[in-house]
Amino acid sequence: MIKNVLYMVLSLFFNYLSPLILFPLFTETFEVKDYSNILLYLGVIQLGYLISEFGFNISVSKKIIANTSLTKHVSVPVIFIKFFVSTIYVLSIIFIFNINLLVAILLFVTVFFQTIQFNWIYTAEENFKKISLISIIVRTVYLILSIIVVLYSPSVINILFCLAISQVIGFAVSLSDNIKNILTNKLDFNLIKDELKDAIPFFISRVTSFSQYYLIVPLSALTSTPQLLANIGNADVLFKAGKGIFGSLIQVSYPYFNKNKNVRLFILTLTISTIFLIFSCIILSFFTSDIIVFIFGEKYVGSAFILNNLFFLAILNFISGMLGYPFFSLIDRVDVVNKTSYFSFCCFSIMLCLCYYLYFVDIYTIIIILAITELVLILSRVYFYFLSIKHKLS
């Protein structure tokens, strides 16, 4: 597991190295309005990946772990479903944000090709080295192309072109390992139906567990000025960078603990990681203003206070994530994770709708709602874990 964590951390290092290089260039090159649009589109792409992934990284991986022969048959129906979901998502974005056709096409290409890079197979095989390699290639291509664009032809559309091209290249690299599985299988609607049926509970769980965080920037775009949206987007970028590093531990923990059922090691991993995360957030909170000014510039220093508030959420989110699939895989009850996610998402939706109804929604309201949601999720998962053990013993 440690080896897989290191691969994922290496991947995340490259994932977040490119923003550290690019965002200072973006803030110097683009006006606040254009820069805030870039942050909005990045937020839309991240949310699109979450939705179009559709839970297959869990549902299909689980099947392949149990029966490796299924590797040859699942990819075609999975890609078909992802194409359909990506299309529906981008059409929804056109309606909500009133974006033009070219932007919509580039968003679709980026989202779709990012989500069909065969992670459902690599996760089942615990081939995190390959996942990391593809991610590094994608980020490197995006970084190089974006620097060229900023230097010679800076525009929001050209940055979106860079994103789309990099994800297409990432798909091409992943296809080299899996092209036989695509060419030797026909589109079978019975398989599509089966995969869809199996994935829906995991899709709902994934969306209800993580979409709240991917909604931060899009929701803020509906009520914020370009300057405030840029401040929120900057804080969100750094927040997701830190959150993603510990998210890699959650990702590799699920297949490991699903196989080994080592409760003591799980408790040790959770305890040490949480303590390390808490101390890291405390130390970083003293330097957030300096970090923001260094990366984004003086005019975005307002991002610092928002980022300090997001640190607290990062801790809660990591704990709830570890108490999800990795925790319940110890007792073979990952279905419970989905139920707790549904419940917490209902709480989140009710609180958010109530605040919108009362015209009292800003970034700090959203953070408070997210914190309450995470606490509900943590407590409900601990409760149902011990309840499941009690029923198992009785």
Foldseek 3Di string as FASTA:
>chain_A
DVVLLVLLLLLLCLVLVLLLVVQQLCLVQDDLQQLLVLLLLVLLLVLLLLQLLLQLLPLVLVVCLVPVVCLLPQLVLSLVSSLVSLVVSLVVVCVPVVDDDLSSVLSSLLNSLQSSLPSSVCLSVSVSNLVSVLSNQLSVQLSVQSVVCSVPPDDSSSNSVSSNVSSNVSSVSSCVVPVSSVVVDDDDVVSSVVSNVSSNLSSLLSCLLPVLLSCLLVVQVVPDDSLVSSLQSLLSSVLCSVLSSLVSVLSNLQVVCLPVLDPVVLVVVLVVVLVVLVVVLVVVLVCQLVVCCSRNNDSSSVSSVLNNLSSVLSSLSSLLSSLANSVCSSVPPNSVSSVLSVVLSVQLVVQVVVCVVVVNDDSVSSSVSSVVSSVSSNVSSVVVSVVVVVVVVD
